[in-house]
Amino acid sequence: MQQSDWVYDWNLASPALIPAGTRVLLNDETLRDGLQNPSVYDPGIGEKIRILHLMESLGIDSVNIGLPGAGARAVEHVEALAREIATNRMKIRPNCAARTLENDILPIVEISQRVGIAIEAATFLGLSPIRRLVEDWTVDHLERTTENAVNFAVSHNLPSMYVTEDTVRTDRETVKRLYSAAIRSGARAIVLCDTVGHATPQGAYNLVKFVMDEVVKPSGEQIRVDWHGHCDRGLAIANSLWAVAAGVHQVHAAANSLGERVGNTPMELMLGHAHDDTAELSGDRQRCVSNRDGRSCRSHRESVSQRKHGIGEHRVQRRSFAPFRT
């Protein structure tokens, strides 16, 4: 008896929005955005290095290793993580968060030079009408700030990832103007953000399609487009899948949905949606995906590494997504 004889799969009843074999990159935010929560324990560097190796074993493509502009401890930890990647010739690619300020970008430049590996500068800037009202910013000011920050990073040989906060609540004209300015200035990766978990799947799809059609394609450049979402409405996974369906190349996520408020897109569920094309999973799949032991990740005072350990003991050489339909 065939499985189709006793299971009717409605998932296959319409054409796939994400064709089988679609390649999707994953960026792990556990060690940066994942720590932005008052009840999450910020582990020591030894534990962070252990988490880094677990990410590598999962085949995660890139990792945010911190915001060195935050101070001496952040610089120490970011450099140690970058050095660990360089020394062990790890495949995972590092990036660092920075405000669109030279004083935030310069520590990334210095760490990259000392360690001897490329570190992508993820420079972020708020641009929504609400933020502009509160800060008394003009779009002209934001455009100049964008150009200055991206030019500074690129002129110091850093790959530039341009990030805007609250992209999903920003008007079309501002989105087009600022992302176009970033690409003209040398950014080769852009990140669309649902910073406050406002988006629905249709909204995520609409935003990505707009940026692909009105910004990326007209630029004539090879641009990686990322999606960064949050779980405030419980739609982070759905939004990420619809963003991929619209053309996103990389999704940001954090272990067990760690992060500010109710957290980031959960990495273990993104991995659960991925199919390994080249190697069988080792060990028990359920144990690999989650091991929360019935405890809240935000209230239990244990290291992030213990939470992280619960989501991975298998290797993924090439990650692609199963057909996604609606």
C-alpha atoms as a PDB file:
ATOM      1  CA  MET A   1       0.000   0.000   0.000  1.00  0.00           C
ATOM      2  CA  GLN A   2       1.307   3.443  -0.942  1.00  0.00           C
ATOM      3  CA  GLN A   3       1.264   6.269   1.602  1.00  0.00           C
ATOM      4  CA  SER A   4      -1.040   8.148  -0.755  1.00  0.00           C
ATOM      5  CA  ASP A   5      -3.603   5.405  -0.227  1.00  0.00           C
ATOM      6  CA  TRP A   6      -4.114   6.360   3.427  1.00  0.00           C
ATOM      7  CA  VAL A   7      -2.946  10.010   3.610  1.00  0.00           C
ATOM      8  CA  TYR A   8      -4.403  12.684   1.378  1.00  0.00           C
ATOM      9  CA  ASP A   9      -1.900  15.560   1.389  1.00  0.00           C
ATOM     10  CA  TRP A  10      -3.590  18.926   0.888  1.00  0.00           C
ATOM     11  CA  ASN A  11      -0.103  20.468   0.912  1.00  0.00           C
ATOM     12  CA  LEU A  12       0.276  19.127  -2.632  1.00  0.00           C
ATOM     13  CA  ALA A  13      -3.092  20.323  -3.927  1.00  0.00           C
ATOM     14  CA  SER A  14      -1.793  23.526  -5.567  1.00  0.00           C
ATOM     15  CA  PRO A  15       1.416  24.717  -7.232  1.00  0.00           C
ATOM     16  CA  ALA A  16       4.278  25.313  -4.813  1.00  0.00           C
ATOM     17  CA  LEU A  17       5.118  28.885  -3.802  1.00  0.00           C
ATOM     18  CA  ILE A  18       8.607  27.692  -2.828  1.00  0.00           C
ATOM     19  CA  PRO A  19       9.749  25.144  -5.424  1.00  0.00           C
ATOM     20  CA  ALA A  20      11.451  22.008  -4.162  1.00  0.00           C
ATOM     21  CA  GLY A  21      15.200  22.466  -3.865  1.00  0.00           C
ATOM     22  CA  THR A  22      15.097  26.227  -3.274  1.00  0.00           C
ATOM     23  CA  ARG A  23      18.350  27.168  -1.533  1.00  0.00           C
ATOM     24  CA  VAL A  24      17.851  29.221   1.623  1.00  0.00           C
ATOM     25  CA  LEU A  25      20.634  30.581   3.827  1.00  0.00           C
ATOM     26  CA  LEU A  26      20.264  30.916   7.602  1.00  0.00           C
ATOM     27  CA  ASN A  27      21.803  33.621   9.786  1.00  0.00           C
ATOM     28  CA  ASP A  28      21.934  32.901  13.519  1.00  0.00           C
ATOM     29  CA  GLU A  29      21.118  35.839  15.833  1.00  0.00           C
ATOM     30  CA  THR A  30      21.310  33.889  19.118  1.00  0.00           C
ATOM     31  CA  LEU A  31      24.508  35.567  20.326  1.00  0.00           C
ATOM     32  CA  ARG A  32      23.394  39.122  19.552  1.00  0.00           C
ATOM     33  CA  ASP A  33      19.687  39.853  19.073  1.00  0.00           C
ATOM     34  CA  GLY A  34      18.897  36.699  21.031  1.00  0.00           C
ATOM     35  CA  LEU A  35      20.500  38.203  24.140  1.00  0.00           C
ATOM     36  CA  GLN A  36      18.354  41.356  24.040  1.00  0.00           C
ATOM     37  CA  ASN A  37      15.978  40.239  26.755  1.00  0.00           C
ATOM     38  CA  PRO A  38      16.100  41.169  30.459  1.00  0.00           C
ATOM     39  CA  SER A  39      15.637  37.561  31.612  1.00  0.00           C
ATOM     40  CA  VAL A  40      18.124  35.876  29.256  1.00  0.00           C
ATOM     41  CA  TYR A  41      21.505  34.938  30.711  1.00  0.00           C
ATOM     42  CA  ASP A  42      24.436  36.440  28.800  1.00  0.00           C
ATOM     43  CA  PRO A  43      27.008  33.629  28.832  1.00  0.00           C
ATOM     44  CA  GLY A  44      30.753  33.914  29.147  1.00  0.00           C
ATOM     45  CA  ILE A  45      33.022  33.647  26.148  1.00  0.00           C
ATOM     46  CA  GLY A  46      33.719  29.945  26.711  1.00  0.00           C
ATOM     47  CA  GLU A  47      30.034  29.130  26.433  1.00  0.00           C
ATOM     48  CA  LYS A  48      29.644  31.398  23.411  1.00  0.00           C
ATOM     49  CA  ILE A  49      32.457  29.551  21.642  1.00  0.00           C
ATOM     50  CA  ARG A  50      30.714  26.261  22.397  1.00  0.00           C
ATOM     51  CA  ILE A  51      27.486  27.650  20.927  1.00  0.00           C
ATOM     52  CA  LEU A  52      29.414  28.790  17.860  1.00  0.00           C
ATOM     53  CA  HIS A  53      30.664  25.252  17.251  1.00  0.00           C
ATOM     54  CA  LEU A  54      27.125  23.917  17.604  1.00  0.00           C
ATOM     55  CA  MET A  55      25.979  26.369  14.940  1.00  0.00           C
ATOM     56  CA  GLU A  56      28.799  25.120  12.706  1.00  0.00           C
ATOM     57  CA  SER A  57      27.732  21.509  13.282  1.00  0.00           C
ATOM     58  CA  LEU A  58      24.198  22.410  12.202  1.00  0.00           C
ATOM     59  CA  GLY A  59      25.473  23.815   8.932  1.00  0.00           C
ATOM     60  CA  ILE A  60      24.163  27.311   9.715  1.00  0.00           C
ATOM     61  CA  ASP A  61      25.552  29.676   7.108  1.00  0.00           C
ATOM     62  CA  SER A  62      26.326  32.851   9.063  1.00  0.00           C
ATOM     63  CA  VAL A  63      26.276  34.216  12.605  1.00  0.00           C
ATOM     64  CA  ASN A  64      25.956  37.614  14.222  1.00  0.00           C
ATOM     65  CA  ILE A  65      28.806  37.594  16.743  1.00  0.00           C
ATOM     66  CA  GLY A  66      27.881  40.818  18.520  1.00  0.00           C
ATOM     67  CA  LEU A  67      27.892  44.604  18.520  1.00  0.00           C
ATOM     68  CA  PRO A  68      31.476  45.628  19.376  1.00  0.00           C
ATOM     69  CA  GLY A  69      30.496  49.289  19.498  1.00  0.00           C
ATOM     70  CA  ALA A  70      28.748  48.520  22.800  1.00  0.00           C
ATOM     71  CA  GLY A  71      31.969  48.527  24.824  1.00  0.00           C
ATOM     72  CA  ALA A  72      35.105  46.680  25.927  1.00  0.00           C
ATOM     73  CA  ARG A  73      33.413  43.383  26.883  1.00  0.00           C
ATOM     74  CA  ALA A  74      31.609  43.268  23.542  1.00  0.00           C
ATOM     75  CA  VAL A  75      34.888  43.910  21.690  1.00  0.00           C
ATOM     76  CA  GLU A  76      36.632  41.136  23.655  1.00  0.00           C
ATOM     77  CA  HIS A  77      33.884  38.607  22.937  1.00  0.00           C
ATOM     78  CA  VAL A  78      33.494  39.529  19.266  1.00  0.00           C
ATOM     79  CA  GLU A  79      37.231  39.235  18.676  1.00  0.00           C
ATOM     80  CA  ALA A  80      37.423  35.882  20.470  1.00  0.00           C
ATOM     81  CA  LEU A  81      34.562  34.495  18.367  1.00  0.00           C
ATOM     82  CA  ALA A  82      36.062  35.819  15.143  1.00  0.00           C
ATOM     83  CA  ARG A  83      39.431  34.351  16.056  1.00  0.00           C
ATOM     84  CA  GLU A  84      37.817  30.985  16.797  1.00  0.00           C
ATOM     85  CA  ILE A  85      36.283  30.979  13.319  1.00  0.00           C
ATOM     86  CA  ALA A  86      39.607  31.921  11.711  1.00  0.00           C
ATOM     87  CA  THR A  87      41.775  29.516  13.716  1.00  0.00           C
ATOM     88  CA  ASN A  88      39.507  26.529  13.101  1.00  0.00           C
ATOM     89  CA  ARG A  89      38.817  27.439   9.464  1.00  0.00           C
ATOM     90  CA  MET A  90      35.106  27.248  10.171  1.00  0.00           C
ATOM     91  CA  LYS A  91      32.648  27.541   7.299  1.00  0.00           C
ATOM     92  CA  ILE A  92      30.202  29.766   9.176  1.00  0.00           C
ATOM     93  CA  ARG A  93      30.560  33.421   8.137  1.00  0.00           C
ATOM     94  CA  PRO A  94      30.626  36.150  10.846  1.00  0.00           C
ATOM     95  CA  ASN A  95      28.813  39.458  10.852  1.00  0.00           C
ATOM     96  CA  CYS A  96      28.552  42.208  13.442  1.00  0.00           C
ATOM     97  CA  ALA A  97      25.782  44.656  14.218  1.00  0.00           C
ATOM     98  CA  ALA A  98      26.516  48.374  14.180  1.00  0.00           C
ATOM     99  CA  ARG A  99      24.548  51.566  14.217  1.00  0.00           C
ATOM    100  CA  THR A 100      25.084  53.730  11.162  1.00  0.00           C
ATOM    101  CA  LEU A 101      27.904  55.530  12.985  1.00  0.00           C
ATOM    102  CA  GLU A 102      31.621  55.430  12.246  1.00  0.00           C
ATOM    103  CA  ASN A 103      32.331  54.845  15.958  1.00  0.00           C
ATOM    104  CA  ASP A 104      30.298  51.623  15.777  1.00  0.00           C
ATOM    105  CA  ILE A 105      31.767  50.428  12.479  1.00  0.00           C
ATOM    106  CA  LEU A 106      35.428  51.141  13.325  1.00  0.00           C
ATOM    107  CA  PRO A 107      35.701  48.374  15.997  1.00  0.00           C
ATOM    108  CA  ILE A 108      34.545  45.848  13.358  1.00  0.00           C
ATOM    109  CA  VAL A 109      37.250  47.104  11.000  1.00  0.00           C
ATOM    110  CA  GLU A 110      39.914  46.764  13.699  1.00  0.00           C
ATOM    111  CA  ILE A 111      38.809  43.272  14.775  1.00  0.00           C
ATOM    112  CA  SER A 112      38.662  42.099  11.158  1.00  0.00           C
ATOM    113  CA  GLN A 113      42.197  43.363  10.560  1.00  0.00           C
ATOM    114  CA  ARG A 114      43.605  41.855  13.771  1.00  0.00           C
ATOM    115  CA  VAL A 115      42.014  38.451  13.194  1.00  0.00           C
ATOM    116  CA  GLY A 116      42.497  38.370   9.432  1.00  0.00           C
ATOM    117  CA  ILE A 117      39.011  37.395   8.242  1.00  0.00           C
ATOM    118  CA  ALA A 118      36.161  39.267   6.598  1.00  0.00           C
ATOM    119  CA  ILE A 119      33.384  40.359   8.962  1.00  0.00           C
ATOM    120  CA  GLU A 120      30.201  41.664   7.387  1.00  0.00           C
ATOM    121  CA  ALA A 121      29.094  44.989   8.878  1.00  0.00           C
ATOM    122  CA  ALA A 122      25.342  44.890   9.553  1.00  0.00           C
ATOM    123  CA  THR A 123      24.662  48.608   9.875  1.00  0.00           C
ATOM    124  CA  PHE A 124      21.131  49.332  11.059  1.00  0.00           C
ATOM    125  CA  LEU A 125      18.945  52.413  10.985  1.00  0.00           C
ATOM    126  CA  GLY A 126      15.351  53.159  11.981  1.00  0.00           C
ATOM    127  CA  LEU A 127      13.315  54.681   9.163  1.00  0.00           C
ATOM    128  CA  SER A 128       9.578  54.203   9.816  1.00  0.00           C
ATOM    129  CA  PRO A 129       7.331  57.295   9.988  1.00  0.00           C
ATOM    130  CA  ILE A 130       6.807  56.686  13.714  1.00  0.00           C
ATOM    131  CA  ARG A 131      10.552  56.610  14.375  1.00  0.00           C
ATOM    132  CA  ARG A 132      11.154  59.678  12.218  1.00  0.00           C
ATOM    133  CA  LEU A 133       8.515  61.576  14.183  1.00  0.00           C
ATOM    134  CA  VAL A 134       9.992  60.618  17.564  1.00  0.00           C
ATOM    135  CA  GLU A 135      13.590  61.360  16.537  1.00  0.00           C
ATOM    136  CA  ASP A 136      12.728  64.449  14.452  1.00  0.00           C
ATOM    137  CA  TRP A 137      14.549  62.907  11.472  1.00  0.00           C
ATOM    138  CA  THR A 138      14.030  63.753   7.830  1.00  0.00           C
ATOM    139  CA  VAL A 139      14.398  61.275   4.982  1.00  0.00           C
ATOM    140  CA  ASP A 140      17.191  63.474   3.610  1.00  0.00           C
ATOM    141  CA  HIS A 141      19.075  63.016   6.889  1.00  0.00           C
ATOM    142  CA  LEU A 142      18.544  59.239   6.812  1.00  0.00           C
ATOM    143  CA  GLU A 143      19.779  59.035   3.228  1.00  0.00           C
ATOM    144  CA  ARG A 144      22.979  60.942   4.068  1.00  0.00           C
ATOM    145  CA  THR A 145      23.496  58.769   7.162  1.00  0.00           C
ATOM    146  CA  THR A 146      23.018  55.613   5.074  1.00  0.00           C
ATOM    147  CA  GLU A 147      25.494  56.726   2.415  1.00  0.00           C
ATOM    148  CA  ASN A 148      28.125  57.777   4.963  1.00  0.00           C
ATOM    149  CA  ALA A 149      27.910  54.534   6.952  1.00  0.00           C
ATOM    150  CA  VAL A 150      27.975  52.172   3.969  1.00  0.00           C
ATOM    151  CA  ASN A 151      30.771  54.133   2.285  1.00  0.00           C
ATOM    152  CA  PHE A 152      32.820  54.021   5.496  1.00  0.00           C
ATOM    153  CA  ALA A 153      32.416  50.239   5.830  1.00  0.00           C
ATOM    154  CA  VAL A 154      33.188  49.541   2.178  1.00  0.00           C
ATOM    155  CA  SER A 155      36.182  51.900   2.127  1.00  0.00           C
ATOM    156  CA  HIS A 156      37.638  49.848   5.007  1.00  0.00           C
ATOM    157  CA  ASN A 157      37.137  46.586   3.091  1.00  0.00           C
ATOM    158  CA  LEU A 158      34.174  45.337   5.111  1.00  0.00           C
ATOM    159  CA  PRO A 159      31.327  43.562   3.302  1.00  0.00           C
ATOM    160  CA  SER A 160      28.278  45.759   3.887  1.00  0.00           C
ATOM    161  CA  MET A 161      24.879  44.490   5.027  1.00  0.00           C
ATOM    162  CA  TYR A 162      22.373  47.356   5.240  1.00  0.00           C
ATOM    163  CA  VAL A 163      19.541  46.902   7.747  1.00  0.00           C
ATOM    164  CA  THR A 164      16.486  49.054   8.419  1.00  0.00           C
ATOM    165  CA  GLU A 165      14.404  48.698  11.543  1.00  0.00           C
ATOM    166  CA  ASP A 166      10.623  48.406  11.214  1.00  0.00           C
ATOM    167  CA  THR A 167      10.755  48.096   7.425  1.00  0.00           C
ATOM    168  CA  VAL A 168       7.269  46.551   7.380  1.00  0.00           C
ATOM    169  CA  ARG A 169       5.701  49.778   8.676  1.00  0.00           C
ATOM    170  CA  THR A 170       7.567  52.120   6.331  1.00  0.00           C
ATOM    171  CA  ASP A 171       6.169  53.785   3.209  1.00  0.00           C
ATOM    172  CA  ARG A 172       7.195  52.650  -0.270  1.00  0.00           C
ATOM    173  CA  GLU A 173       9.005  55.849  -1.228  1.00  0.00           C
ATOM    174  CA  THR A 174      11.288  55.819   1.825  1.00  0.00           C
ATOM    175  CA  VAL A 175      12.038  52.100   1.505  1.00  0.00           C
ATOM    176  CA  LYS A 176      12.988  52.517  -2.153  1.00  0.00           C
ATOM    177  CA  ARG A 177      15.045  55.652  -1.594  1.00  0.00           C
ATOM    178  CA  LEU A 178      17.145  54.390   1.326  1.00  0.00           C
ATOM    179  CA  TYR A 179      17.814  50.861   0.088  1.00  0.00           C
ATOM    180  CA  SER A 180      18.723  52.231  -3.335  1.00  0.00           C
ATOM    181  CA  ALA A 181      21.138  54.659  -1.654  1.00  0.00           C
ATOM    182  CA  ALA A 182      22.723  51.802   0.307  1.00  0.00           C
ATOM    183  CA  ILE A 183      23.233  49.715  -2.843  1.00  0.00           C
ATOM    184  CA  ARG A 184      24.687  52.680  -4.755  1.00  0.00           C
ATOM    185  CA  SER A 185      27.103  53.195  -1.854  1.00  0.00           C
ATOM    186  CA  GLY A 186      28.333  49.605  -1.994  1.00  0.00           C
ATOM    187  CA  ALA A 187      26.037  47.456   0.164  1.00  0.00           C
ATOM    188  CA  ARG A 188      25.734  43.986  -1.342  1.00  0.00           C
ATOM    189  CA  ALA A 189      23.291  42.615   1.217  1.00  0.00           C
ATOM    190  CA  ILE A 190      20.107  44.244   2.490  1.00  0.00           C
ATOM    191  CA  VAL A 191      17.854  43.170   5.349  1.00  0.00           C
ATOM    192  CA  LEU A 192      14.100  43.735   5.558  1.00  0.00           C
ATOM    193  CA  CYS A 193      12.912  43.746   9.156  1.00  0.00           C
ATOM    194  CA  ASP A 194       9.673  43.051  10.968  1.00  0.00           C
ATOM    195  CA  THR A 195      11.163  44.568  14.107  1.00  0.00           C
ATOM    196  CA  VAL A 196       7.980  44.622  16.224  1.00  0.00           C
ATOM    197  CA  GLY A 197       6.294  41.507  14.832  1.00  0.00           C
ATOM    198  CA  HIS A 198       3.657  43.517  12.963  1.00  0.00           C
ATOM    199  CA  ALA A 199       3.715  41.675   9.634  1.00  0.00           C
ATOM    200  CA  THR A 200       1.326  39.049   8.344  1.00  0.00           C
ATOM    201  CA  PRO A 201       2.507  36.509   5.744  1.00  0.00           C
ATOM    202  CA  GLN A 202       0.881  38.539   2.967  1.00  0.00           C
ATOM    203  CA  GLY A 203       2.560  41.705   4.246  1.00  0.00           C
ATOM    204  CA  ALA A 204       5.961  40.023   4.306  1.00  0.00           C
ATOM    205  CA  TYR A 205       5.429  38.784   0.753  1.00  0.00           C
ATOM    206  CA  ASN A 206       4.295  42.211  -0.465  1.00  0.00           C
ATOM    207  CA  LEU A 207       7.297  44.009   1.032  1.00  0.00           C
ATOM    208  CA  VAL A 208       9.836  41.542  -0.355  1.00  0.00           C
ATOM    209  CA  LYS A 209       8.287  41.588  -3.840  1.00  0.00           C
ATOM    210  CA  PHE A 210       8.299  45.394  -3.824  1.00  0.00           C
ATOM    211  CA  VAL A 211      11.980  45.563  -2.871  1.00  0.00           C
ATOM    212  CA  MET A 212      12.968  42.880  -5.374  1.00  0.00           C
ATOM    213  CA  ASP A 213      11.081  44.580  -8.223  1.00  0.00           C
ATOM    214  CA  GLU A 214      11.678  48.256  -7.388  1.00  0.00           C
ATOM    215  CA  VAL A 215      15.125  48.239  -5.752  1.00  0.00           C
ATOM    216  CA  VAL A 216      17.167  45.094  -6.389  1.00  0.00           C
ATOM    217  CA  LYS A 217      16.411  44.362 -10.046  1.00  0.00           C
ATOM    218  CA  PRO A 218      16.785  47.992 -11.235  1.00  0.00           C
ATOM    219  CA  SER A 219      20.153  48.254  -9.437  1.00  0.00           C
ATOM    220  CA  GLY A 220      21.717  45.718 -11.774  1.00  0.00           C
ATOM    221  CA  GLU A 221      23.813  44.411  -8.860  1.00  0.00           C
ATOM    222  CA  GLN A 222      24.014  40.964  -7.273  1.00  0.00           C
ATOM    223  CA  ILE A 223      22.275  41.683  -3.953  1.00  0.00           C
ATOM    224  CA  ARG A 224      21.543  39.205  -1.181  1.00  0.00           C
ATOM    225  CA  VAL A 225      18.162  39.959   0.378  1.00  0.00           C
ATOM    226  CA  ASP A 226      17.553  38.885   4.005  1.00  0.00           C
ATOM    227  CA  TRP A 227      14.440  38.662   6.173  1.00  0.00           C
ATOM    228  CA  HIS A 228      14.553  39.381   9.925  1.00  0.00           C
ATOM    229  CA  GLY A 229      11.347  38.734  11.858  1.00  0.00           C
ATOM    230  CA  HIS A 230       9.930  38.608  15.378  1.00  0.00           C
ATOM    231  CA  CYS A 231       7.246  36.488  17.040  1.00  0.00           C
ATOM    232  CA  ASP A 232       4.911  39.085  18.582  1.00  0.00           C
ATOM    233  CA  ARG A 233       1.875  37.802  16.653  1.00  0.00           C
ATOM    234  CA  GLY A 234       3.049  34.212  16.421  1.00  0.00           C
ATOM    235  CA  LEU A 235       3.678  34.541  12.676  1.00  0.00           C
ATOM    236  CA  ALA A 236       7.481  34.574  12.463  1.00  0.00           C
ATOM    237  CA  ILE A 237       7.833  31.188  10.758  1.00  0.00           C
ATOM    238  CA  ALA A 238       4.931  31.800   8.371  1.00  0.00           C
ATOM    239  CA  ASN A 239       6.288  35.245   7.528  1.00  0.00           C
ATOM    240  CA  SER A 240       9.754  33.815   6.872  1.00  0.00           C
ATOM    241  CA  LEU A 241       8.381  31.182   4.491  1.00  0.00           C
ATOM    242  CA  TRP A 242       6.341  33.762   2.579  1.00  0.00           C
ATOM    243  CA  ALA A 243       9.415  36.018   2.432  1.00  0.00           C
ATOM    244  CA  VAL A 244      11.359  33.129   0.888  1.00  0.00           C
ATOM    245  CA  ALA A 245       8.497  32.563  -1.555  1.00  0.00           C
ATOM    246  CA  ALA A 246       8.811  36.224  -2.596  1.00  0.00           C
ATOM    247  CA  GLY A 247      12.540  35.904  -3.259  1.00  0.00           C
ATOM    248  CA  VAL A 248      14.462  36.304   0.025  1.00  0.00           C
ATOM    249  CA  HIS A 249      17.835  34.534   0.020  1.00  0.00           C
ATOM    250  CA  GLN A 250      18.552  34.377   3.777  1.00  0.00           C
ATOM    251  CA  VAL A 251      16.430  34.204   6.935  1.00  0.00           C
ATOM    252  CA  HIS A 252      17.566  35.411  10.359  1.00  0.00           C
ATOM    253  CA  ALA A 253      16.592  33.357  13.402  1.00  0.00           C
ATOM    254  CA  ALA A 254      17.626  32.563  16.984  1.00  0.00           C
ATOM    255  CA  ALA A 255      17.757  29.373  19.044  1.00  0.00           C
ATOM    256  CA  ASN A 256      14.439  28.595  20.711  1.00  0.00           C
ATOM    257  CA  SER A 257      13.112  31.981  19.589  1.00  0.00           C
ATOM    258  CA  LEU A 258      15.327  33.903  22.028  1.00  0.00           C
ATOM    259  CA  GLY A 259      15.243  37.679  21.776  1.00  0.00           C
ATOM    260  CA  GLU A 260      13.515  40.854  22.851  1.00  0.00           C
ATOM    261  CA  ARG A 261       9.850  40.682  23.855  1.00  0.00           C
ATOM    262  CA  VAL A 262       8.557  37.277  22.671  1.00  0.00           C
ATOM    263  CA  GLY A 263      11.658  36.635  20.591  1.00  0.00           C
ATOM    264  CA  ASN A 264      13.054  36.171  17.110  1.00  0.00           C
ATOM    265  CA  THR A 265      12.089  33.637  14.471  1.00  0.00           C
ATOM    266  CA  PRO A 266      12.926  30.229  16.034  1.00  0.00           C
ATOM    267  CA  MET A 267      15.973  28.677  14.390  1.00  0.00           C
ATOM    268  CA  GLU A 268      15.020  25.123  15.314  1.00  0.00           C
ATOM    269  CA  LEU A 269      11.751  25.446  13.389  1.00  0.00           C
ATOM    270  CA  MET A 270      13.490  26.956  10.371  1.00  0.00           C
ATOM    271  CA  LEU A 271      15.852  23.978  10.450  1.00  0.00           C
ATOM    272  CA  GLY A 272      12.835  21.719  10.815  1.00  0.00           C
ATOM    273  CA  HIS A 273      11.424  23.092   7.570  1.00  0.00           C
ATOM    274  CA  ALA A 274      14.712  22.532   5.782  1.00  0.00           C
ATOM    275  CA  HIS A 275      15.598  19.311   3.990  1.00  0.00           C
ATOM    276  CA  ASP A 276      19.119  17.926   4.015  1.00  0.00           C
ATOM    277  CA  ASP A 277      19.928  16.885   0.439  1.00  0.00           C
ATOM    278  CA  THR A 278      23.234  15.132   1.048  1.00  0.00           C
ATOM    279  CA  ALA A 279      23.278  13.417   4.423  1.00  0.00           C
ATOM    280  CA  GLU A 280      20.880  11.557   6.637  1.00  0.00           C
ATOM    281  CA  LEU A 281      20.053  13.030  10.015  1.00  0.00           C
ATOM    282  CA  SER A 282      21.919  11.348  12.856  1.00  0.00           C
ATOM    283  CA  GLY A 283      20.341  10.675  16.195  1.00  0.00           C
ATOM    284  CA  ASP A 284      16.754  11.234  17.232  1.00  0.00           C
ATOM    285  CA  ARG A 285      15.097  13.984  15.141  1.00  0.00           C
ATOM    286  CA  GLN A 286      12.869  15.168  17.959  1.00  0.00           C
ATOM    287  CA  ARG A 287      15.856  15.521  20.273  1.00  0.00           C
ATOM    288  CA  CYS A 288      17.732  17.441  17.564  1.00  0.00           C
ATOM    289  CA  VAL A 289      14.894  19.907  17.021  1.00  0.00           C
ATOM    290  CA  SER A 290      14.006  20.769  20.602  1.00  0.00           C
ATOM    291  CA  ASN A 291      14.801  19.846  24.177  1.00  0.00           C
ATOM    292  CA  ARG A 292      13.091  22.444  26.325  1.00  0.00           C
ATOM    293  CA  ASP A 293      12.232  19.971  29.131  1.00  0.00           C
ATOM    294  CA  GLY A 294       9.010  21.862  29.728  1.00  0.00           C
ATOM    295  CA  ARG A 295      10.815  24.971  30.898  1.00  0.00           C
ATOM    296  CA  SER A 296      10.498  28.555  29.703  1.00  0.00           C
ATOM    297  CA  CYS A 297      13.587  29.701  27.812  1.00  0.00           C
ATOM    298  CA  ARG A 298      13.109  33.199  29.170  1.00  0.00           C
ATOM    299  CA  SER A 299      12.568  32.483  32.839  1.00  0.00           C
ATOM    300  CA  HIS A 300      14.997  29.641  33.502  1.00  0.00           C
ATOM    301  CA  ARG A 301      18.413  30.944  34.541  1.00  0.00           C
ATOM    302  CA  GLU A 302      20.659  28.657  32.543  1.00  0.00           C
ATOM    303  CA  SER A 303      23.179  29.433  29.840  1.00  0.00           C
ATOM    304  CA  VAL A 304      22.102  30.090  26.304  1.00  0.00           C
ATOM    305  CA  SER A 305      24.453  27.309  25.282  1.00  0.00           C
ATOM    306  CA  GLN A 306      22.351  24.739  27.140  1.00  0.00           C
ATOM    307  CA  ARG A 307      19.299  25.912  25.265  1.00  0.00           C
ATOM    308  CA  LYS A 308      21.262  25.949  22.049  1.00  0.00           C
ATOM    309  CA  HIS A 309      22.530  22.421  22.677  1.00  0.00           C
ATOM    310  CA  GLY A 310      18.936  21.257  22.611  1.00  0.00           C
ATOM    311  CA  ILE A 311      18.496  22.059  18.955  1.00  0.00           C
ATOM    312  CA  GLY A 312      21.284  20.402  17.152  1.00  0.00           C
ATOM    313  CA  GLU A 313      23.361  17.325  16.774  1.00  0.00           C
ATOM    314  CA  HIS A 314      23.049  16.711  13.042  1.00  0.00           C
ATOM    315  CA  ARG A 315      24.976  18.148  10.128  1.00  0.00           C
ATOM    316  CA  VAL A 316      23.477  19.781   7.068  1.00  0.00           C
ATOM    317  CA  GLN A 317      25.702  20.042   4.007  1.00  0.00           C
ATOM    318  CA  ARG A 318      23.165  21.617   1.638  1.00  0.00           C
ATOM    319  CA  ARG A 319      19.879  23.034   2.850  1.00  0.00           C
ATOM    320  CA  SER A 320      16.804  23.324   0.710  1.00  0.00           C
ATOM    321  CA  PHE A 321      13.133  23.742   1.499  1.00  0.00           C
ATOM    322  CA  ALA A 322      10.272  21.388   0.856  1.00  0.00           C
ATOM    323  CA  PRO A 323       7.638  22.664  -1.576  1.00  0.00           C
ATOM    324  CA  PHE A 324       5.542  25.357   0.138  1.00  0.00           C
ATOM    325  CA  ARG A 325       2.020  25.858  -1.133  1.00  0.00           C
ATOM    326  CA  THR A 326      -0.955  28.000  -0.381  1.00  0.00           C
END
